[in-house]
PDB file of N, CA and C in Angstrom:
ATOM      1  N   MET A   1       0.809  -1.189   0.000  1.00  0.00           N
ATOM      2  CA  MET A   1       0.000   0.000   0.000  1.00  0.00           C
ATOM      3  C   MET A   1       0.863   1.268   0.000  1.00  0.00           C
ATOM      4  N   GLY A   2       2.008   1.241   0.686  1.00  0.00           N
ATOM      5  CA  GLY A   2       2.855   2.429   0.755  1.00  0.00           C
ATOM      6  C   GLY A   2       3.541   2.732  -0.559  1.00  0.00           C
ATOM      7  N   GLY A   3       3.949   1.671  -1.307  1.00  0.00           N
ATOM      8  CA  GLY A   3       4.625   1.863  -2.575  1.00  0.00           C
ATOM      9  C   GLY A   3       3.699   2.418  -3.642  1.00  0.00           C
ATOM     10  N   GLU A   4       2.445   2.041  -3.585  1.00  0.00           N
ATOM     11  CA  GLU A   4       1.482   2.512  -4.574  1.00  0.00           C
ATOM     12  C   GLU A   4       1.180   3.993  -4.399  1.00  0.00           C
ATOM     13  N   ALA A   5       1.314   4.533  -3.183  1.00  0.00           N
ATOM     14  CA  ALA A   5       1.021   5.943  -2.937  1.00  0.00           C
ATOM     15  C   ALA A   5       2.143   6.847  -3.447  1.00  0.00           C
ATOM     16  N   ILE A   6       3.349   6.318  -3.569  1.00  0.00           N
ATOM     17  CA  ILE A   6       4.491   7.112  -3.992  1.00  0.00           C
ATOM     18  C   ILE A   6       4.634   7.144  -5.507  1.00  0.00           C
ATOM     19  N   VAL A   7       4.166   6.110  -6.181  1.00  0.00           N
ATOM     20  CA  VAL A   7       4.365   5.955  -7.627  1.00  0.00           C
ATOM     21  C   VAL A   7       3.914   7.183  -8.425  1.00  0.00           C
ATOM     22  N   PRO A   8       2.776   7.804  -8.154  1.00  0.00           N
ATOM     23  CA  PRO A   8       2.392   8.968  -8.959  1.00  0.00           C
ATOM     24  C   PRO A   8       3.323  10.172  -8.779  1.00  0.00           C
ATOM     25  N   TYR A   9       4.059  10.209  -7.681  1.00  0.00           N
ATOM     26  CA  TYR A   9       4.916  11.357  -7.394  1.00  0.00           C
ATOM     27  C   TYR A   9       6.370  11.161  -7.826  1.00  0.00           C
ATOM     28  N   VAL A  10       6.722  10.014  -8.360  1.00  0.00           N
ATOM     29  CA  VAL A  10       8.101   9.733  -8.768  1.00  0.00           C
ATOM     30  C   VAL A  10       8.600  10.740  -9.808  1.00  0.00           C
ATOM     31  N   PRO A  11       7.817  11.074 -10.841  1.00  0.00           N
ATOM     32  CA  PRO A  11       8.324  12.085 -11.785  1.00  0.00           C
ATOM     33  C   PRO A  11       8.579  13.447 -11.130  1.00  0.00           C
ATOM     34  N   LEU A  12       7.749  13.833 -10.177  1.00  0.00           N
ATOM     35  CA  LEU A  12       7.952  15.107  -9.473  1.00  0.00           C
ATOM     36  C   LEU A  12       9.211  15.058  -8.611  1.00  0.00           C
ATOM     37  N   ILE A  13       9.442  13.933  -7.972  1.00  0.00           N
ATOM     38  CA  ILE A  13      10.636  13.781  -7.139  1.00  0.00           C
ATOM     39  C   ILE A  13      11.893  13.853  -8.000  1.00  0.00           C
ATOM     40  N   ILE A  14      11.864  13.179  -9.154  1.00  0.00           N
ATOM     41  CA  ILE A  14      13.017  13.204 -10.062  1.00  0.00           C
ATOM     42  C   ILE A  14      13.234  14.618 -10.602  1.00  0.00           C
ATOM     43  N   ALA A  15      12.146  15.280 -10.991  1.00  0.00           N
ATOM     44  CA  ALA A  15      12.257  16.647 -11.510  1.00  0.00           C
ATOM     45  C   ALA A  15      12.783  17.591 -10.434  1.00  0.00           C
ATOM     46  N   GLY A  16      12.333  17.419  -9.200  1.00  0.00           N
ATOM     47  CA  GLY A  16      12.824  18.264  -8.106  1.00  0.00           C
ATOM     48  C   GLY A  16      14.309  18.055  -7.866  1.00  0.00           C
ATOM     49  N   GLY A  17      14.749  16.790  -7.909  1.00  0.00           N
ATOM     50  CA  GLY A  17      16.181  16.510  -7.732  1.00  0.00           C
ATOM     51  C   GLY A  17      17.012  17.104  -8.849  1.00  0.00           C
ATOM     52  N   MET A  18      16.496  17.012 -10.071  1.00  0.00           N
ATOM     53  CA  MET A  18      17.215  17.596 -11.209  1.00  0.00           C
ATOM     54  C   MET A  18      17.256  19.118 -11.113  1.00  0.00           C
ATOM     55  N   LEU A  19      16.182  19.728 -10.628  1.00  0.00           N
ATOM     56  CA  LEU A  19      16.141  21.177 -10.464  1.00  0.00           C
ATOM     57  C   LEU A  19      17.159  21.625  -9.411  1.00  0.00           C
ATOM     58  N   ILE A  20      17.243  20.927  -8.301  1.00  0.00           N
ATOM     59  CA  ILE A  20      18.218  21.259  -7.254  1.00  0.00           C
ATOM     60  C   ILE A  20      19.637  21.122  -7.790  1.00  0.00           C
ATOM     61  N   ALA A  21      19.903  20.054  -8.557  1.00  0.00           N
ATOM     62  CA  ALA A  21      21.227  19.859  -9.140  1.00  0.00           C
ATOM     63  C   ALA A  21      21.547  20.971 -10.133  1.00  0.00           C
ATOM     64  N   LEU A  22      20.577  21.371 -10.940  1.00  0.00           N
ATOM     65  CA  LEU A  22      20.787  22.450 -11.906  1.00  0.00           C
ATOM     66  C   LEU A  22      21.086  23.773 -11.206  1.00  0.00           C
ATOM     67  N   ILE A  23      20.375  24.059 -10.135  1.00  0.00           N
ATOM     68  CA  ILE A  23      20.625  25.291  -9.372  1.00  0.00           C
ATOM     69  C   ILE A  23      22.026  25.263  -8.760  1.00  0.00           C
ATOM     70  N   ALA A  24      22.442  24.127  -8.225  1.00  0.00           N
ATOM     71  CA  ALA A  24      23.776  24.020  -7.623  1.00  0.00           C
ATOM     72  C   ALA A  24      24.868  24.209  -8.673  1.00  0.00           C
ATOM     73  N   ILE A  25      24.713  23.596  -9.834  1.00  0.00           N
ATOM     74  CA  ILE A  25      25.718  23.726 -10.896  1.00  0.00           C
ATOM     75  C   ILE A  25      25.774  25.160 -11.409  1.00  0.00           C
ATOM     76  N   THR A  26      24.602  25.792 -11.574  1.00  0.00           N
ATOM     77  CA  THR A  26      24.567  27.183 -12.017  1.00  0.00           C
ATOM     78  C   THR A  26      25.243  28.097 -10.994  1.00  0.00           C
ATOM     79  N   GLY A  27      25.021  27.870  -9.729  1.00  0.00           N
ATOM     80  CA  GLY A  27      25.679  28.667  -8.686  1.00  0.00           C
ATOM     81  C   GLY A  27      27.186  28.494  -8.710  1.00  0.00           C
ATOM     82  N   TRP A  28      27.639  27.259  -8.909  1.00  0.00           N
ATOM     83  CA  TRP A  28      29.083  27.010  -8.979  1.00  0.00           C
ATOM     84  C   TRP A  28      29.701  27.729 -10.175  1.00  0.00           C
ATOM     85  N   ILE A  29      29.028  27.663 -11.325  1.00  0.00           N
ATOM     86  CA  ILE A  29      29.530  28.347 -12.520  1.00  0.00           C
ATOM     87  C   ILE A  29      29.564  29.854 -12.289  1.00  0.00           C
ATOM     88  N   PHE A  30      28.536  30.402 -11.662  1.00  0.00           N
ATOM     89  CA  PHE A  30      28.477  31.838 -11.419  1.00  0.00           C
ATOM     90  C   PHE A  30      29.592  32.294 -10.481  1.00  0.00           C
ATOM     91  N   THR A  31      29.820  31.557  -9.385  1.00  0.00           N
ATOM     92  CA  THR A  31      30.885  31.967  -8.462  1.00  0.00           C
ATOM     93  C   THR A  31      32.259  31.825  -9.106  1.00  0.00           C
ATOM     94  N   THR A  32      32.445  30.814  -9.934  1.00  0.00           N
ATOM     95  CA  THR A  32      33.720  30.676 -10.649  1.00  0.00           C
ATOM     96  C   THR A  32      33.918  31.832 -11.618  1.00  0.00           C
ATOM     97  N   TRP A  33      32.870  32.207 -12.307  1.00  0.00           N
ATOM     98  CA  TRP A  33      32.946  33.339 -13.233  1.00  0.00           C
ATOM     99  C   TRP A  33      33.289  34.624 -12.481  1.00  0.00           C
ATOM    100  N   LEU A  34      32.673  34.837 -11.307  1.00  0.00           N
ATOM    101  CA  LEU A  34      32.985  36.031 -10.512  1.00  0.00           C
ATOM    102  C   LEU A  34      34.444  36.037 -10.070  1.00  0.00           C
ATOM    103  N   ARG A  35      34.966  34.893  -9.674  1.00  0.00           N
ATOM    104  CA  ARG A  35      36.365  34.819  -9.264  1.00  0.00           C
ATOM    105  C   ARG A  35      37.299  35.153 -10.418  1.00  0.00           C
ATOM    106  N   VAL A  36      37.026  34.605 -11.590  1.00  0.00           N
ATOM    107  CA  VAL A  36      37.859  34.867 -12.760  1.00  0.00           C
ATOM    108  C   VAL A  36      37.758  36.337 -13.156  1.00  0.00           C
ATOM    109  N   LYS A  37      36.557  36.870 -13.149  1.00  0.00           N
ATOM    110  CA  LYS A  37      36.333  38.260 -13.551  1.00  0.00           C
ATOM    111  C   LYS A  37      37.077  39.231 -12.639  1.00  0.00           C
ATOM    112  N   ASN A  38      37.110  38.955 -11.350  1.00  0.00           N
ATOM    113  CA  ASN A  38      37.734  39.871 -10.396  1.00  0.00           C
ATOM    114  C   ASN A  38      39.186  39.538 -10.096  1.00  0.00           C
ATOM    115  N   GLY A  39      39.758  38.563 -10.784  1.00  0.00           N
ATOM    116  CA  GLY A  39      41.180  38.289 -10.653  1.00  0.00           C
ATOM    117  C   GLY A  39      41.580  37.391  -9.507  1.00  0.00           C
ATOM    118  N   TYR A  40      40.625  36.723  -8.866  1.00  0.00           N
ATOM    119  CA  TYR A  40      40.975  35.811  -7.791  1.00  0.00           C
ATOM    120  C   TYR A  40      41.461  34.486  -8.389  1.00  0.00           C
ATOM    121  N   PRO A  41      42.434  33.848  -7.756  1.00  0.00           N
ATOM    122  CA  PRO A  41      42.878  32.558  -8.292  1.00  0.00           C
ATOM    123  C   PRO A  41      41.822  31.482  -8.022  1.00  0.00           C
ATOM    124  N   LEU A  42      41.713  30.562  -8.945  1.00  0.00           N
ATOM    125  CA  LEU A  42      40.777  29.457  -8.761  1.00  0.00           C
ATOM    126  C   LEU A  42      41.382  28.462  -7.787  1.00  0.00           C
ATOM    127  N   GLU A  43      40.549  27.878  -6.937  1.00  0.00           N
ATOM    128  CA  GLU A  43      41.030  26.946  -5.916  1.00  0.00           C
ATOM    129  C   GLU A  43      40.357  25.597  -6.099  1.00  0.00           C
ATOM    130  N   ASN A  44      41.101  24.547  -5.722  1.00  0.00           N
ATOM    131  CA  ASN A  44      40.493  23.224  -5.733  1.00  0.00           C
ATOM    132  C   ASN A  44      39.798  22.984  -4.401  1.00  0.00           C
ATOM    133  N   SER A  45      39.335  21.772  -4.172  1.00  0.00           N
ATOM    134  CA  SER A  45      38.597  21.491  -2.949  1.00  0.00           C
ATOM    135  C   SER A  45      39.473  21.549  -1.693  1.00  0.00           C
ATOM    136  N   TRP A  46      40.798  21.535  -1.869  1.00  0.00           N
ATOM    137  CA  TRP A  46      41.712  21.603  -0.731  1.00  0.00           C
ATOM    138  C   TRP A  46      42.198  23.026  -0.470  1.00  0.00           C
ATOM    139  N   GLY A  47      41.738  23.990  -1.248  1.00  0.00           N
ATOM    140  CA  GLY A  47      42.106  25.382  -1.034  1.00  0.00           C
ATOM    141  C   GLY A  47      43.375  25.815  -1.746  1.00  0.00           C
ATOM    142  N   LYS A  48      43.962  24.949  -2.542  1.00  0.00           N
ATOM    143  CA  LYS A  48      45.172  25.314  -3.278  1.00  0.00           C
ATOM    144  C   LYS A  48      44.788  25.917  -4.619  1.00  0.00           C
ATOM    145  N   ALA A  49      45.598  26.869  -5.076  1.00  0.00           N
ATOM    146  CA  ALA A  49      45.311  27.528  -6.341  1.00  0.00           C
ATOM    147  C   ALA A  49      45.488  26.547  -7.492  1.00  0.00           C
ATOM    148  N   VAL A  50      44.515  26.516  -8.390  1.00  0.00           N
ATOM    149  CA  VAL A  50      44.573  25.621  -9.537  1.00  0.00           C
ATOM    150  C   VAL A  50      45.513  26.184 -10.589  1.00  0.00           C
ATOM    151  N   TYR A  51      45.320  27.433 -10.926  1.00  0.00           N
ATOM    152  CA  TYR A  51      46.170  28.111 -11.909  1.00  0.00           C
ATOM    153  C   TYR A  51      46.622  29.438 -11.306  1.00  0.00           C
ATOM    154  N   PRO A  52      47.630  29.427 -10.459  1.00  0.00           N
ATOM    155  CA  PRO A  52      48.056  30.699  -9.857  1.00  0.00           C
ATOM    156  C   PRO A  52      48.626  31.628 -10.921  1.00  0.00           C
ATOM    157  N   ARG A  53      48.236  32.885 -10.838  1.00  0.00           N
ATOM    158  CA  ARG A  53      48.724  33.876 -11.787  1.00  0.00           C
ATOM    159  C   ARG A  53      50.082  34.371 -11.320  1.00  0.00           C
ATOM    160  N   LYS A  54      51.077  34.187 -12.153  1.00  0.00           N
ATOM    161  CA  LYS A  54      52.420  34.634 -11.804  1.00  0.00           C
ATOM    162  C   LYS A  54      53.024  35.436 -12.943  1.00  0.00           C
ATOM    163  N   ASP A  55      52.179  36.187 -13.646  1.00  0.00           N
ATOM    164  CA  ASP A  55      52.717  36.999 -14.726  1.00  0.00           C
ATOM    165  C   ASP A  55      53.318  38.284 -14.154  1.00  0.00           C
ATOM    166  N   ASP A  56      54.030  39.001 -14.987  1.00  0.00           N
ATOM    167  CA  ASP A  56      54.743  40.196 -14.529  1.00  0.00           C
ATOM    168  C   ASP A  56      53.789  41.277 -14.049  1.00  0.00           C
ATOM    169  N   GLU A  57      52.651  41.408 -14.714  1.00  0.00           N
ATOM    170  CA  GLU A  57      51.695  42.444 -14.319  1.00  0.00           C
ATOM    171  C   GLU A  57      51.157  42.189 -12.913  1.00  0.00           C
ATOM    172  N   ALA A  58      50.832  40.940 -12.616  1.00  0.00           N
ATOM    173  CA  ALA A  58      50.306  40.602 -11.293  1.00  0.00           C
ATOM    174  C   ALA A  58      51.377  40.799 -10.222  1.00  0.00           C
ATOM    175  N   MET A  59      52.608  40.430 -10.511  1.00  0.00           N
ATOM    176  CA  MET A  59      53.682  40.609  -9.529  1.00  0.00           C
ATOM    177  C   MET A  59      53.942  42.095  -9.277  1.00  0.00           C
ATOM    178  N   GLU A  60      53.893  42.909 -10.331  1.00  0.00           N
ATOM    179  CA  GLU A  60      54.083  44.353 -10.166  1.00  0.00           C
ATOM    180  C   GLU A  60      52.946  44.956  -9.351  1.00  0.00           C
ATOM    181  N   ARG A  61      51.726  44.495  -9.612  1.00  0.00           N
ATOM    182  CA  ARG A  61      50.585  44.987  -8.847  1.00  0.00           C
ATOM    183  C   ARG A  61      50.724  44.618  -7.369  1.00  0.00           C
ATOM    184  N   ILE A  62      51.174  43.407  -7.098  1.00  0.00           N
ATOM    185  CA  ILE A  62      51.364  42.980  -5.708  1.00  0.00           C
ATOM    186  C   ILE A  62      52.432  43.824  -5.036  1.00  0.00           C
ATOM    187  N   LYS A  63      53.518  44.120  -5.759  1.00  0.00           N
ATOM    188  CA  LYS A  63      54.592  44.926  -5.185  1.00  0.00           C
ATOM    189  C   LYS A  63      54.097  46.345  -4.876  1.00  0.00           C
ATOM    190  N   LEU A  64      53.339  46.942  -5.799  1.00  0.00           N
ATOM    191  CA  LEU A  64      52.814  48.290  -5.577  1.00  0.00           C
ATOM    192  C   LEU A  64      51.835  48.326  -4.414  1.00  0.00           C
ATOM    193  N   ILE A  65      50.989  47.332  -4.328  1.00  0.00           N
ATOM    194  CA  ILE A  65      50.023  47.288  -3.228  1.00  0.00           C
ATOM    195  C   ILE A  65      50.746  47.090  -1.898  1.00  0.00           C
ATOM    196  N   SER A  66      51.803  46.287  -1.890  1.00  0.00           N
ATOM    197  CA  SER A  66      52.573  46.082  -0.659  1.00  0.00           C
ATOM    198  C   SER A  66      53.260  47.369  -0.222  1.00  0.00           C
ATOM    199  N   GLN A  67      53.810  48.127  -1.183  1.00  0.00           N
ATOM    200  CA  GLN A  67      54.442  49.403  -0.848  1.00  0.00           C
ATOM    201  C   GLN A  67      53.415  50.391  -0.306  1.00  0.00           C
ATOM    202  N   GLU A  68      52.268  50.452  -0.952  1.00  0.00           N
ATOM    203  CA  GLU A  68      51.224  51.361  -0.483  1.00  0.00           C
ATOM    204  C   GLU A  68      50.751  50.955   0.905  1.00  0.00           C
ATOM    205  N   ASN A  69      50.651  49.657   1.145  1.00  0.00           N
ATOM    206  CA  ASN A  69      50.250  49.166   2.456  1.00  0.00           C
ATOM    207  C   ASN A  69      51.252  49.591   3.527  1.00  0.00           C
ATOM    208  N   ALA A  70      52.552  49.492   3.224  1.00  0.00           N
ATOM    209  CA  ALA A  70      53.576  49.899   4.186  1.00  0.00           C
ATOM    210  C   ALA A  70      53.498  51.400   4.457  1.00  0.00           C
ATOM    211  N   GLN A  71      53.279  52.200   3.417  1.00  0.00           N
ATOM    212  CA  GLN A  71      53.163  53.647   3.604  1.00  0.00           C
ATOM    213  C   GLN A  71      51.950  53.990   4.459  1.00  0.00           C
ATOM    214  N   LEU A  72      50.840  53.330   4.189  1.00  0.00           N
ATOM    215  CA  LEU A  72      49.627  53.607   4.967  1.00  0.00           C
ATOM    216  C   LEU A  72      49.785  53.177   6.417  1.00  0.00           C
ATOM    217  N   ARG A  73      50.483  52.076   6.647  1.00  0.00           N
ATOM    218  CA  ARG A  73      50.723  51.645   8.035  1.00  0.00           C
ATOM    219  C   ARG A  73      51.600  52.647   8.776  1.00  0.00           C
ATOM    220  N   ALA A  74      52.617  53.170   8.092  1.00  0.00           N
ATOM    221  CA  ALA A  74      53.476  54.172   8.723  1.00  0.00           C
ATOM    222  C   ALA A  74      52.689  55.442   9.027  1.00  0.00           C
ATOM    223  N   GLU A  75      51.865  55.863   8.089  1.00  0.00           N
ATOM    224  CA  GLU A  75      51.043  57.055   8.307  1.00  0.00           C
ATOM    225  C   GLU A  75      50.055  56.833   9.442  1.00  0.00           C
ATOM    226  N   LEU A  76      49.477  55.651   9.503  1.00  0.00           N
ATOM    227  CA  LEU A  76      48.545  55.340  10.581  1.00  0.00           C
ATOM    228  C   LEU A  76      49.256  55.363  11.933  1.00  0.00           C
ATOM    229  N   GLY A  77      50.487  54.884  11.969  1.00  0.00           N
ATOM    230  CA  GLY A  77      51.257  54.923  13.219  1.00  0.00           C
ATOM    231  C   GLY A  77      51.491  56.351  13.684  1.00  0.00           C
ATOM    232  N   SER A  78      51.839  57.247  12.749  1.00  0.00           N
ATOM    233  CA  SER A  78      52.067  58.640  13.137  1.00  0.00           C
ATOM    234  C   SER A  78      50.766  59.306  13.573  1.00  0.00           C
ATOM    235  N   VAL A  79      49.661  58.962  12.911  1.00  0.00           N
ATOM    236  CA  VAL A  79      48.370  59.530  13.305  1.00  0.00           C
ATOM    237  C   VAL A  79      47.982  59.046  14.706  1.00  0.00           C
ATOM    238  N   LYS A  80      48.261  57.779  15.004  1.00  0.00           N
ATOM    239  CA  LYS A  80      47.977  57.266  16.352  1.00  0.00           C
ATOM    240  C   LYS A  80      48.802  57.993  17.407  1.00  0.00           C
ATOM    241  N   ASP A  81      50.077  58.263  17.115  1.00  0.00           N
ATOM    242  CA  ASP A  81      50.921  58.997  18.060  1.00  0.00           C
ATOM    243  C   ASP A  81      50.377  60.395  18.294  1.00  0.00           C
ATOM    244  N   ARG A  82      49.995  61.063  17.205  1.00  0.00           N
ATOM    245  CA  ARG A  82      49.448  62.418  17.345  1.00  0.00           C
ATOM    246  C   ARG A  82      48.149  62.412  18.120  1.00  0.00           C
ATOM    247  N   LEU A  83      47.313  61.422  17.865  1.00  0.00           N
ATOM    248  CA  LEU A  83      46.048  61.317  18.579  1.00  0.00           C
ATOM    249  C   LEU A  83      46.279  61.056  20.065  1.00  0.00           C
ATOM    250  N   ALA A  84      47.282  60.254  20.381  1.00  0.00           N
ATOM    251  CA  ALA A  84      47.592  59.995  21.792  1.00  0.00           C
ATOM    252  C   ALA A  84      48.017  61.287  22.486  1.00  0.00           C
ATOM    253  N   ASN A  85      48.818  62.123  21.802  1.00  0.00           N
ATOM    254  CA  ASN A  85      49.222  63.404  22.390  1.00  0.00           C
ATOM    255  C   ASN A  85      48.027  64.329  22.581  1.00  0.00           C
ATOM    256  N   VAL A  86      47.141  64.379  21.603  1.00  0.00           N
ATOM    257  CA  VAL A  86      45.949  65.224  21.731  1.00  0.00           C
ATOM    258  C   VAL A  86      45.065  64.725  22.864  1.00  0.00           C
ATOM    259  N   GLU A  87      44.895  63.431  22.988  1.00  0.00           N
ATOM    260  CA  GLU A  87      44.092  62.887  24.087  1.00  0.00           C
ATOM    261  C   GLU A  87      44.720  63.210  25.433  1.00  0.00           C
ATOM    262  N   ARG A  88      46.040  63.122  25.510  1.00  0.00           N
ATOM    263  CA  ARG A  88      46.708  63.444  26.768  1.00  0.00           C
ATOM    264  C   ARG A  88      46.507  64.907  27.125  1.00  0.00           C
ATOM    265  N   ILE A  89      46.582  65.792  26.135  1.00  0.00           N
ATOM    266  CA  ILE A  89      46.400  67.219  26.393  1.00  0.00           C
ATOM    267  C   ILE A  89      44.969  67.513  26.802  1.00  0.00           C
ATOM    268  N   VAL A  90      44.000  66.909  26.132  1.00  0.00           N
ATOM    269  CA  VAL A  90      42.598  67.182  26.420  1.00  0.00           C
ATOM    270  C   VAL A  90      42.212  66.662  27.792  1.00  0.00           C
ATOM    271  N   THR A  91      42.704  65.512  28.179  1.00  0.00           N
ATOM    272  CA  THR A  91      42.298  64.928  29.458  1.00  0.00           C
ATOM    273  C   THR A  91      43.139  65.414  30.633  1.00  0.00           C
ATOM    274  N   ASP A  92      44.188  66.177  30.366  1.00  0.00           N
ATOM    275  CA  ASP A  92      45.068  66.674  31.424  1.00  0.00           C
ATOM    276  C   ASP A  92      44.425  67.854  32.157  1.00  0.00           C
ATOM    277  N   ASP A  93      44.829  68.062  33.388  1.00  0.00           N
ATOM    278  CA  ASP A  93      44.368  69.235  34.137  1.00  0.00           C
ATOM    279  C   ASP A  93      44.921  70.500  33.493  1.00  0.00           C
ATOM    280  N   ALA A  94      44.140  71.551  33.543  1.00  0.00           N
ATOM    281  CA  ALA A  94      44.600  72.835  32.991  1.00  0.00           C
ATOM    282  C   ALA A  94      45.790  73.357  33.801  1.00  0.00           C
ATOM    283  N   HIS A  95      45.763  73.171  35.092  1.00  0.00           N
ATOM    284  CA  HIS A  95      46.847  73.642  35.953  1.00  0.00           C
ATOM    285  C   HIS A  95      48.142  72.892  35.635  1.00  0.00           C
ATOM    286  N   ARG A  96      48.052  71.588  35.515  1.00  0.00           N
ATOM    287  CA  ARG A  96      49.240  70.780  35.248  1.00  0.00           C
ATOM    288  C   ARG A  96      49.815  71.092  33.868  1.00  0.00           C
ATOM    289  N   LEU A  97      48.946  71.283  32.887  1.00  0.00           N
ATOM    290  CA  LEU A  97      49.403  71.624  31.550  1.00  0.00           C
ATOM    291  C   LEU A  97      50.106  72.982  31.552  1.00  0.00           C
ATOM    292  N   GLY A  98      49.520  73.955  32.240  1.00  0.00           N
ATOM    293  CA  GLY A  98      50.158  75.280  32.340  1.00  0.00           C
ATOM    294  C   GLY A  98      51.506  75.186  33.022  1.00  0.00           C
ATOM    295  N   HIS A  99      51.599  74.349  34.044  1.00  0.00           N
ATOM    296  CA  HIS A  99      52.855  74.172  34.762  1.00  0.00           C
ATOM    297  C   HIS A  99      53.929  73.561  33.852  1.00  0.00           C
ATOM    298  N   GLU A 100      53.544  72.570  33.032  1.00  0.00           N
ATOM    299  CA  GLU A 100      54.505  71.958  32.110  1.00  0.00           C
ATOM    300  C   GLU A 100      54.961  72.950  31.046  1.00  0.00           C
ATOM    301  N   ILE A 101      54.045  73.766  30.542  1.00  0.00           N
ATOM    302  CA  ILE A 101      54.420  74.770  29.531  1.00  0.00           C
ATOM    303  C   ILE A 101      55.375  75.797  30.138  1.00  0.00           C
ATOM    304  N   ASP A 102      55.076  76.228  31.346  1.00  0.00           N
ATOM    305  CA  ASP A 102      55.972  77.186  32.014  1.00  0.00           C
ATOM    306  C   ASP A 102      57.349  76.579  32.261  1.00  0.00           C
ATOM    307  N   SER A 103      57.395  75.308  32.646  1.00  0.00           N
ATOM    308  CA  SER A 103      58.689  74.671  32.881  1.00  0.00           C
ATOM    309  C   SER A 103      59.482  74.530  31.578  1.00  0.00           C
ATOM    310  N   LEU A 104      58.814  74.301  30.466  1.00  0.00           N
ATOM    311  CA  LEU A 104      59.487  74.242  29.180  1.00  0.00           C
ATOM    312  C   LEU A 104      60.016  75.619  28.776  1.00  0.00           C
ATOM    313  N   ARG A 105      59.262  76.674  29.065  1.00  0.00           N
ATOM    314  CA  ARG A 105      59.724  78.033  28.748  1.00  0.00           C
ATOM    315  C   ARG A 105      60.970  78.382  29.575  1.00  0.00           C
ATOM    316  N   LEU A 106      60.962  77.970  30.826  1.00  0.00           N
ATOM    317  CA  LEU A 106      62.083  78.285  31.702  1.00  0.00           C
ATOM    318  C   LEU A 106      63.347  77.524  31.261  1.00  0.00           C
ATOM    319  N   THR A 107      63.191  76.270  30.811  1.00  0.00           N
ATOM    320  CA  THR A 107      64.367  75.508  30.392  1.00  0.00           C
ATOM    321  C   THR A 107      64.931  76.026  29.076  1.00  0.00           C
ATOM    322  N   LYS A 108      64.110  76.647  28.233  1.00  0.00           N
ATOM    323  CA  LYS A 108      64.590  77.226  26.971  1.00  0.00           C
ATOM    324  C   LYS A 108      65.438  78.460  27.246  1.00  0.00           C
ATOM    325  N   ASN A 109      65.026  79.260  28.179  1.00  0.00           N
ATOM    326  CA  ASN A 109      65.734  80.521  28.472  1.00  0.00           C
ATOM    327  C   ASN A 109      66.937  80.237  29.262  1.00  0.00           C
TER     328      ASN A 109
END
C-alpha cells in the first residue's frame, strides 16, 4: 500500500532533484565566473590555487600594493601617536598643563 502511494509522485521527485542539481551547478559556474572576472585565483577542494597567476603584471601589482600598504601603516602609526598626544592634552588638568608649559619656557631661556 505504501509503494502505490508514492508511484504517482516519482516524476515530481526526479524533476525536483534535477532542479536542485541544476541550481547548484549554475551557482558554482556563477561563483567561478565572478572569481575569474575579479582576478581571484581558482582553488580546488583543498584550497590550493589551480592556476596561480604569476605573470609580470600581477607581480608588479602585488609589489605596488605592498608598498602602499607599508606607507599607509606608517602614516597610521604617526596619526595614532598624534592622537595619543591630543588625548593626553585634552584629558590633562589645565593647571598641570600650564605648569609643564611654564617649565618648558624656563628651560629654553
